[in-house]
Amino acid sequence: MGSMGDDFRGRWAFVGRTLVNRPWLIVSWVVLAIVAVAAGKVVPQPWSAGIYPVVLFVALLLFSRASTQKE
């Protein structure tokens, strides 16, 4: 049970280090969130439900690309 908590803390430490080393990632996530909220207001209701999975995918893609780049 202890190893699961250690693994969880290790993942958060990795995320924190990645965000500190790459501040453009935070900015891109904020811009992505603003675009998602704006699109939710502009896009008609049935289609707006499809915006959030796309935004989540793009955010995870940005993070995975940022974390694999060499310093």
C-alpha atoms as a PDB file:
ATOM      1  CA  MET A   1       0.000   0.000   0.000  1.00  0.00           C
ATOM      2  CA  GLY A   2       2.863   2.364   0.731  1.00  0.00           C
ATOM      3  CA  SER A   3       4.342   1.932  -2.714  1.00  0.00           C
ATOM      4  CA  MET A   4       1.131   3.181  -4.308  1.00  0.00           C
ATOM      5  CA  GLY A   5       1.367   6.434  -2.333  1.00  0.00           C
ATOM      6  CA  ASP A   6       5.039   6.788  -3.229  1.00  0.00           C
ATOM      7  CA  ASP A   7       4.213   6.230  -6.901  1.00  0.00           C
ATOM      8  CA  PHE A   8       1.478   8.872  -6.727  1.00  0.00           C
ATOM      9  CA  ARG A   9       3.844  11.408  -5.139  1.00  0.00           C
ATOM     10  CA  GLY A  10       6.488  10.553  -7.724  1.00  0.00           C
ATOM     11  CA  ARG A  11       4.073  11.271 -10.550  1.00  0.00           C
ATOM     12  CA  TRP A  12       3.097  14.628  -9.073  1.00  0.00           C
ATOM     13  CA  ALA A  13       6.770  15.477  -8.573  1.00  0.00           C
ATOM     14  CA  PHE A  14       7.399  14.638 -12.237  1.00  0.00           C
ATOM     15  CA  VAL A  15       4.487  16.842 -13.332  1.00  0.00           C
ATOM     16  CA  GLY A  16       5.749  19.669 -11.132  1.00  0.00           C
ATOM     17  CA  ARG A  17       9.308  19.432 -12.468  1.00  0.00           C
ATOM     18  CA  THR A  18       8.042  19.398 -16.045  1.00  0.00           C
ATOM     19  CA  LEU A  19       5.883  22.477 -15.492  1.00  0.00           C
ATOM     20  CA  VAL A  20       8.709  24.368 -13.773  1.00  0.00           C
ATOM     21  CA  ASN A  21      11.180  23.540 -16.546  1.00  0.00           C
ATOM     22  CA  ARG A  22       8.719  24.401 -19.318  1.00  0.00           C
ATOM     23  CA  PRO A  23       6.628  27.460 -18.421  1.00  0.00           C
ATOM     24  CA  TRP A  24       5.268  27.624 -21.987  1.00  0.00           C
ATOM     25  CA  LEU A  25       3.292  24.479 -21.154  1.00  0.00           C
ATOM     26  CA  ILE A  26       1.343  26.292 -18.433  1.00  0.00           C
ATOM     27  CA  VAL A  27       0.660  29.187 -20.807  1.00  0.00           C
ATOM     28  CA  SER A  28      -0.518  26.816 -23.534  1.00  0.00           C
ATOM     29  CA  TRP A  29      -2.866  25.080 -21.071  1.00  0.00           C
ATOM     30  CA  VAL A  30      -4.343  28.427 -20.013  1.00  0.00           C
ATOM     31  CA  VAL A  31      -4.840  29.446 -23.647  1.00  0.00           C
ATOM     32  CA  LEU A  32      -6.390  26.052 -24.369  1.00  0.00           C
ATOM     33  CA  ALA A  33      -8.791  26.484 -21.432  1.00  0.00           C
ATOM     34  CA  ILE A  34      -9.801  29.944 -22.652  1.00  0.00           C
ATOM     35  CA  VAL A  35     -10.403  28.603 -26.164  1.00  0.00           C
ATOM     36  CA  ALA A  36     -12.466  25.719 -24.762  1.00  0.00           C
ATOM     37  CA  VAL A  37     -14.682  28.026 -22.702  1.00  0.00           C
ATOM     38  CA  ALA A  38     -15.111  30.419 -25.626  1.00  0.00           C
ATOM     39  CA  ALA A  39     -15.932  27.555 -27.990  1.00  0.00           C
ATOM     40  CA  GLY A  40     -18.464  26.225 -25.495  1.00  0.00           C
ATOM     41  CA  LYS A  41     -20.220  29.597 -25.622  1.00  0.00           C
ATOM     42  CA  VAL A  42     -20.111  29.932 -29.427  1.00  0.00           C
ATOM     43  CA  VAL A  43     -20.668  26.367 -30.645  1.00  0.00           C
ATOM     44  CA  PRO A  44     -24.297  25.139 -30.645  1.00  0.00           C
ATOM     45  CA  GLN A  45     -25.282  22.863 -27.771  1.00  0.00           C
ATOM     46  CA  PRO A  46     -25.118  19.354 -29.304  1.00  0.00           C
ATOM     47  CA  TRP A  47     -21.617  19.970 -30.640  1.00  0.00           C
ATOM     48  CA  SER A  48     -20.246  21.688 -27.551  1.00  0.00           C
ATOM     49  CA  ALA A  49     -20.187  18.388 -25.654  1.00  0.00           C
ATOM     50  CA  GLY A  50     -17.465  17.187 -28.029  1.00  0.00           C
ATOM     51  CA  ILE A  51     -15.158  20.102 -27.240  1.00  0.00           C
ATOM     52  CA  TYR A  52     -13.990  18.928 -23.823  1.00  0.00           C
ATOM     53  CA  PRO A  53     -12.660  15.486 -24.825  1.00  0.00           C
ATOM     54  CA  VAL A  54     -10.701  17.167 -27.619  1.00  0.00           C
ATOM     55  CA  VAL A  55      -9.305  19.763 -25.198  1.00  0.00           C
ATOM     56  CA  LEU A  56      -8.305  17.041 -22.733  1.00  0.00           C
ATOM     57  CA  PHE A  57      -6.570  15.099 -25.494  1.00  0.00           C
ATOM     58  CA  VAL A  58      -4.664  18.176 -26.689  1.00  0.00           C
ATOM     59  CA  ALA A  59      -3.614  19.067 -23.126  1.00  0.00           C
ATOM     60  CA  LEU A  60      -2.302  15.551 -22.500  1.00  0.00           C
ATOM     61  CA  LEU A  61      -0.563  15.557 -25.881  1.00  0.00           C
ATOM     62  CA  LEU A  62       1.154  18.857 -25.053  1.00  0.00           C
ATOM     63  CA  PHE A  63       2.311  17.469 -21.710  1.00  0.00           C
ATOM     64  CA  SER A  64       3.588  14.201 -23.158  1.00  0.00           C
ATOM     65  CA  ARG A  65       5.520  16.036 -25.874  1.00  0.00           C
ATOM     66  CA  ALA A  66       6.935  18.500 -23.352  1.00  0.00           C
ATOM     67  CA  SER A  67       8.027  15.790 -20.931  1.00  0.00           C
ATOM     68  CA  THR A  68       9.864  13.810 -23.621  1.00  0.00           C
ATOM     69  CA  GLN A  69      11.804  16.759 -25.050  1.00  0.00           C
ATOM     70  CA  LYS A  70      15.474  16.981 -24.183  1.00  0.00           C
ATOM     71  CA  GLU A  71      16.608  19.868 -22.008  1.00  0.00           C
END
